[in-house]
Amino acid sequence: MLYDFYGNLLTDKQREILELYYQHDLSLAEIAAEGGISRQGVHDLVKRAVRTLEKAEEKMGLVERFAGQEKLLRRLREILSADVLDEVARLEALSLLDKLPE
C-alpha cells in the first residue's frame, strides 16, 4: 500500500526496481542481471526506496488514515446490512459517518 500511495515520490529507477522485486517477484540477482547492476546495488535501491516510502507515511499518514476509514466503512456496512436497524444501531451508524471525511 505504501507504494500505491507514495510511489510517485520515488525515482523512475526505484519504481522500476520495486515493481520487479515486489510485484513480479524477481530475485535481487534476476533484477541485477536484467538491469546491468550488481545484486548489492539492487538491494541498496530497494532499501532506499522502501525507506523513502516509510518516511513519507510517517509524515503524512495516508495509509494509516485509509486503513482506519476502511475499518469504519466495514462496520457501517455491517450495521446497514442487518435485517432490523434499531435506534442503537442507527446512532452508531451516524457516529461512524461523523468520523469519515466529508
N, C-alpha and C. Protein backbone atom coordinates (compact mmCIF):
# COMPACT_ATOMS: atom_id res chain seq x y z
N MET A 1 0.83 -1.20 0.00
CA MET A 1 0.00 0.00 0.00
C MET A 1 0.86 1.25 0.00
N LEU A 2 2.01 1.18 0.66
CA LEU A 2 2.90 2.35 0.66
C LEU A 2 3.25 2.76 -0.77
N TYR A 3 3.53 1.78 -1.60
CA TYR A 3 3.89 2.05 -2.99
C TYR A 3 2.71 2.70 -3.72
N ASP A 4 1.51 2.21 -3.47
CA ASP A 4 0.33 2.77 -4.12
C ASP A 4 0.12 4.23 -3.75
N PHE A 5 0.36 4.56 -2.51
CA PHE A 5 0.11 5.92 -2.05
C PHE A 5 1.27 6.86 -2.36
N TYR A 6 2.47 6.39 -2.25
CA TYR A 6 3.64 7.28 -2.33
C TYR A 6 4.62 6.95 -3.45
N GLY A 7 4.27 6.02 -4.31
CA GLY A 7 5.18 5.59 -5.37
C GLY A 7 5.69 6.73 -6.25
N ASN A 8 4.89 7.75 -6.43
CA ASN A 8 5.31 8.88 -7.28
C ASN A 8 6.44 9.69 -6.66
N LEU A 9 6.72 9.48 -5.39
CA LEU A 9 7.83 10.18 -4.75
C LEU A 9 9.18 9.55 -5.09
N LEU A 10 9.14 8.35 -5.65
CA LEU A 10 10.36 7.63 -5.98
C LEU A 10 10.87 8.03 -7.37
N THR A 11 12.14 7.77 -7.59
CA THR A 11 12.70 7.97 -8.92
C THR A 11 12.16 6.88 -9.84
N ASP A 12 12.28 7.08 -11.14
CA ASP A 12 11.83 6.08 -12.10
C ASP A 12 12.54 4.75 -11.86
N LYS A 13 13.84 4.81 -11.59
CA LYS A 13 14.63 3.60 -11.35
C LYS A 13 14.15 2.86 -10.10
N GLN A 14 13.89 3.61 -9.02
CA GLN A 14 13.41 3.00 -7.79
C GLN A 14 12.05 2.33 -8.01
N ARG A 15 11.16 3.02 -8.74
CA ARG A 15 9.84 2.43 -9.02
C ARG A 15 9.99 1.14 -9.83
N GLU A 16 10.84 1.19 -10.83
CA GLU A 16 11.06 0.02 -11.68
C GLU A 16 11.57 -1.16 -10.86
N ILE A 17 12.57 -0.91 -10.03
CA ILE A 17 13.16 -1.97 -9.21
C ILE A 17 12.13 -2.54 -8.22
N LEU A 18 11.37 -1.67 -7.56
CA LEU A 18 10.37 -2.16 -6.60
C LEU A 18 9.29 -2.98 -7.30
N GLU A 19 8.88 -2.55 -8.47
CA GLU A 19 7.87 -3.31 -9.21
C GLU A 19 8.40 -4.70 -9.58
N LEU A 20 9.62 -4.76 -10.04
CA LEU A 20 10.20 -6.05 -10.39
C LEU A 20 10.34 -6.94 -9.16
N TYR A 21 10.74 -6.35 -8.04
CA TYR A 21 11.00 -7.11 -6.83
C TYR A 21 9.71 -7.57 -6.14
N TYR A 22 8.77 -6.64 -5.94
CA TYR A 22 7.57 -6.96 -5.18
C TYR A 22 6.41 -7.45 -6.04
N GLN A 23 6.19 -6.83 -7.19
CA GLN A 23 5.03 -7.20 -7.99
C GLN A 23 5.30 -8.38 -8.92
N HIS A 24 6.51 -8.45 -9.46
CA HIS A 24 6.85 -9.54 -10.37
C HIS A 24 7.64 -10.65 -9.68
N ASP A 25 7.94 -10.43 -8.41
CA ASP A 25 8.59 -11.43 -7.56
C ASP A 25 9.93 -11.93 -8.12
N LEU A 26 10.70 -11.00 -8.72
CA LEU A 26 12.03 -11.36 -9.21
C LEU A 26 13.03 -11.28 -8.05
N SER A 27 14.04 -12.08 -8.10
CA SER A 27 15.08 -12.04 -7.07
C SER A 27 16.01 -10.85 -7.33
N LEU A 28 16.80 -10.52 -6.33
CA LEU A 28 17.78 -9.45 -6.49
C LEU A 28 18.74 -9.76 -7.63
N ALA A 29 19.15 -11.03 -7.72
CA ALA A 29 20.08 -11.44 -8.77
C ALA A 29 19.45 -11.31 -10.15
N GLU A 30 18.18 -11.68 -10.27
CA GLU A 30 17.50 -11.56 -11.56
C GLU A 30 17.37 -10.10 -11.99
N ILE A 31 17.02 -9.25 -11.03
CA ILE A 31 16.88 -7.82 -11.33
C ILE A 31 18.24 -7.24 -11.71
N ALA A 32 19.26 -7.64 -10.98
CA ALA A 32 20.61 -7.15 -11.26
C ALA A 32 21.04 -7.54 -12.67
N ALA A 33 20.80 -8.76 -13.06
CA ALA A 33 21.18 -9.24 -14.39
C ALA A 33 20.41 -8.48 -15.47
N GLU A 34 19.14 -8.26 -15.21
CA GLU A 34 18.30 -7.56 -16.18
C GLU A 34 18.67 -6.09 -16.29
N GLY A 35 19.03 -5.49 -15.16
CA GLY A 35 19.33 -4.05 -15.14
C GLY A 35 20.79 -3.71 -15.35
N GLY A 36 21.65 -4.71 -15.40
CA GLY A 36 23.06 -4.45 -15.60
C GLY A 36 23.75 -3.79 -14.42
N ILE A 37 23.24 -4.08 -13.22
CA ILE A 37 23.88 -3.57 -12.00
C ILE A 37 24.14 -4.74 -11.06
N SER A 38 24.86 -4.48 -9.99
CA SER A 38 25.18 -5.56 -9.06
C SER A 38 23.97 -5.91 -8.19
N ARG A 39 24.03 -7.12 -7.64
CA ARG A 39 22.99 -7.55 -6.71
C ARG A 39 22.93 -6.61 -5.51
N GLN A 40 24.10 -6.21 -5.02
CA GLN A 40 24.16 -5.27 -3.89
C GLN A 40 23.54 -3.93 -4.26
N GLY A 41 23.75 -3.50 -5.51
CA GLY A 41 23.16 -2.25 -5.97
C GLY A 41 21.64 -2.32 -5.97
N VAL A 42 21.11 -3.46 -6.38
CA VAL A 42 19.66 -3.64 -6.36
C VAL A 42 19.16 -3.63 -4.92
N HIS A 43 19.86 -4.34 -4.06
CA HIS A 43 19.50 -4.39 -2.64
C HIS A 43 19.46 -2.99 -2.05
N ASP A 44 20.48 -2.20 -2.33
CA ASP A 44 20.54 -0.83 -1.81
C ASP A 44 19.40 0.02 -2.35
N LEU A 45 19.08 -0.13 -3.63
CA LEU A 45 17.97 0.62 -4.23
C LEU A 45 16.64 0.26 -3.57
N VAL A 46 16.43 -1.02 -3.33
CA VAL A 46 15.19 -1.47 -2.70
C VAL A 46 15.10 -0.89 -1.29
N LYS A 47 16.17 -1.01 -0.52
CA LYS A 47 16.16 -0.49 0.86
C LYS A 47 15.91 1.02 0.89
N ARG A 48 16.59 1.75 0.01
CA ARG A 48 16.45 3.20 -0.04
C ARG A 48 15.02 3.60 -0.45
N ALA A 49 14.47 2.90 -1.42
CA ALA A 49 13.11 3.20 -1.87
C ALA A 49 12.09 2.91 -0.78
N VAL A 50 12.22 1.77 -0.10
CA VAL A 50 11.30 1.43 0.98
C VAL A 50 11.42 2.44 2.12
N ARG A 51 12.62 2.85 2.42
CA ARG A 51 12.82 3.86 3.46
C ARG A 51 12.14 5.17 3.08
N THR A 52 12.22 5.55 1.83
CA THR A 52 11.55 6.77 1.35
C THR A 52 10.04 6.66 1.52
N LEU A 53 9.48 5.50 1.18
CA LEU A 53 8.04 5.28 1.33
C LEU A 53 7.63 5.32 2.80
N GLU A 54 8.43 4.69 3.66
CA GLU A 54 8.11 4.68 5.09
C GLU A 54 8.19 6.08 5.70
N LYS A 55 9.17 6.86 5.29
CA LYS A 55 9.28 8.23 5.80
C LYS A 55 8.10 9.08 5.35
N ALA A 56 7.66 8.88 4.13
CA ALA A 56 6.50 9.61 3.64
C ALA A 56 5.27 9.26 4.46
N GLU A 57 5.11 7.98 4.80
CA GLU A 57 3.97 7.56 5.61
C GLU A 57 4.07 8.14 7.02
N GLU A 58 5.27 8.18 7.58
CA GLU A 58 5.44 8.78 8.91
C GLU A 58 5.00 10.24 8.90
N LYS A 59 5.31 10.96 7.84
CA LYS A 59 4.98 12.38 7.77
C LYS A 59 3.51 12.62 7.44
N MET A 60 2.96 11.83 6.50
CA MET A 60 1.61 12.12 6.02
C MET A 60 0.54 11.20 6.56
N GLY A 61 0.88 9.97 6.86
CA GLY A 61 -0.08 9.05 7.45
C GLY A 61 -1.27 8.67 6.57
N LEU A 62 -1.12 8.73 5.26
CA LEU A 62 -2.24 8.45 4.37
C LEU A 62 -2.67 6.99 4.42
N VAL A 63 -1.73 6.07 4.50
CA VAL A 63 -2.08 4.65 4.54
C VAL A 63 -2.81 4.33 5.84
N GLU A 64 -2.33 4.84 6.94
CA GLU A 64 -2.99 4.61 8.22
C GLU A 64 -4.40 5.19 8.22
N ARG A 65 -4.54 6.39 7.69
CA ARG A 65 -5.85 7.04 7.62
C ARG A 65 -6.80 6.23 6.73
N PHE A 66 -6.28 5.77 5.60
CA PHE A 66 -7.09 4.96 4.68
C PHE A 66 -7.55 3.67 5.36
N ALA A 67 -6.65 3.00 6.06
CA ALA A 67 -6.99 1.76 6.74
C ALA A 67 -8.06 2.00 7.81
N GLY A 68 -7.96 3.11 8.52
CA GLY A 68 -8.96 3.45 9.52
C GLY A 68 -10.32 3.71 8.90
N GLN A 69 -10.34 4.38 7.78
CA GLN A 69 -11.60 4.65 7.09
C GLN A 69 -12.22 3.35 6.56
N GLU A 70 -11.36 2.46 6.06
CA GLU A 70 -11.85 1.16 5.58
C GLU A 70 -12.52 0.39 6.73
N LYS A 71 -11.92 0.45 7.90
CA LYS A 71 -12.48 -0.24 9.07
C LYS A 71 -13.84 0.36 9.43
N LEU A 72 -13.93 1.68 9.43
CA LEU A 72 -15.21 2.33 9.73
C LEU A 72 -16.28 1.95 8.70
N LEU A 73 -15.90 1.92 7.44
CA LEU A 73 -16.85 1.59 6.39
C LEU A 73 -17.32 0.13 6.48
N ARG A 74 -16.41 -0.78 6.85
CA ARG A 74 -16.81 -2.18 7.03
C ARG A 74 -17.85 -2.30 8.15
N ARG A 75 -17.59 -1.59 9.25
CA ARG A 75 -18.55 -1.63 10.37
C ARG A 75 -19.87 -1.00 9.96
N LEU A 76 -19.82 0.09 9.24
CA LEU A 76 -21.04 0.74 8.77
C LEU A 76 -21.83 -0.20 7.85
N ARG A 77 -21.14 -0.91 6.98
CA ARG A 77 -21.79 -1.88 6.09
C ARG A 77 -22.46 -2.99 6.91
N GLU A 78 -21.78 -3.46 7.97
CA GLU A 78 -22.37 -4.48 8.84
C GLU A 78 -23.67 -3.99 9.45
N ILE A 79 -23.64 -2.78 9.96
CA ILE A 79 -24.82 -2.21 10.62
C ILE A 79 -25.97 -2.09 9.62
N LEU A 80 -25.67 -1.54 8.45
CA LEU A 80 -26.72 -1.29 7.48
C LEU A 80 -27.21 -2.56 6.78
N SER A 81 -26.45 -3.64 6.88
CA SER A 81 -26.85 -4.91 6.27
C SER A 81 -27.77 -5.71 7.17
N ALA A 82 -27.91 -5.29 8.40
CA ALA A 82 -28.77 -6.01 9.35
C ALA A 82 -30.23 -5.96 8.88
N ASP A 83 -30.96 -6.99 9.20
CA ASP A 83 -32.37 -7.04 8.81
C ASP A 83 -33.18 -5.94 9.50
N VAL A 84 -32.81 -5.64 10.73
CA VAL A 84 -33.51 -4.61 11.51
C VAL A 84 -32.50 -3.59 11.98
N LEU A 85 -32.85 -2.33 11.81
CA LEU A 85 -31.97 -1.25 12.25
C LEU A 85 -32.63 -0.57 13.44
N ASP A 86 -32.21 -0.98 14.65
CA ASP A 86 -32.79 -0.38 15.84
C ASP A 86 -32.14 0.98 16.10
N GLU A 87 -32.62 1.65 17.11
CA GLU A 87 -32.16 3.01 17.41
C GLU A 87 -30.67 3.04 17.78
N VAL A 88 -30.22 2.06 18.52
CA VAL A 88 -28.81 2.00 18.91
C VAL A 88 -27.92 1.85 17.67
N ALA A 89 -28.30 0.96 16.76
CA ALA A 89 -27.54 0.76 15.54
C ALA A 89 -27.57 2.01 14.66
N ARG A 90 -28.72 2.66 14.60
CA ARG A 90 -28.84 3.89 13.82
C ARG A 90 -27.91 4.97 14.36
N LEU A 91 -27.86 5.11 15.66
CA LEU A 91 -26.99 6.10 16.29
C LEU A 91 -25.51 5.76 16.06
N GLU A 92 -25.17 4.48 16.14
CA GLU A 92 -23.79 4.07 15.87
C GLU A 92 -23.42 4.38 14.42
N ALA A 93 -24.33 4.11 13.50
CA ALA A 93 -24.07 4.40 12.09
C ALA A 93 -23.85 5.89 11.87
N LEU A 94 -24.64 6.71 12.49
CA LEU A 94 -24.47 8.16 12.37
C LEU A 94 -23.15 8.61 12.97
N SER A 95 -22.78 8.00 14.08
CA SER A 95 -21.50 8.32 14.71
C SER A 95 -20.33 7.96 13.80
N LEU A 96 -20.43 6.79 13.16
CA LEU A 96 -19.39 6.38 12.23
C LEU A 96 -19.29 7.33 11.04
N LEU A 97 -20.43 7.76 10.55
CA LEU A 97 -20.42 8.71 9.43
C LEU A 97 -19.74 10.02 9.81
N ASP A 98 -19.93 10.45 11.04
CA ASP A 98 -19.29 11.69 11.50
C ASP A 98 -17.77 11.58 11.54
N LYS A 99 -17.27 10.37 11.68
CA LYS A 99 -15.81 10.16 11.75
C LYS A 99 -15.15 10.14 10.37
N LEU A 100 -15.97 9.99 9.34
CA LEU A 100 -15.43 9.96 7.97
C LEU A 100 -15.28 11.37 7.43
N PRO A 101 -14.30 11.60 6.56
CA PRO A 101 -14.13 12.94 5.99
C PRO A 101 -15.29 13.27 5.04
N GLU A 102 -15.55 14.52 4.91
CA GLU A 102 -16.63 14.93 4.02
C GLU A 102 -16.21 14.91 2.58
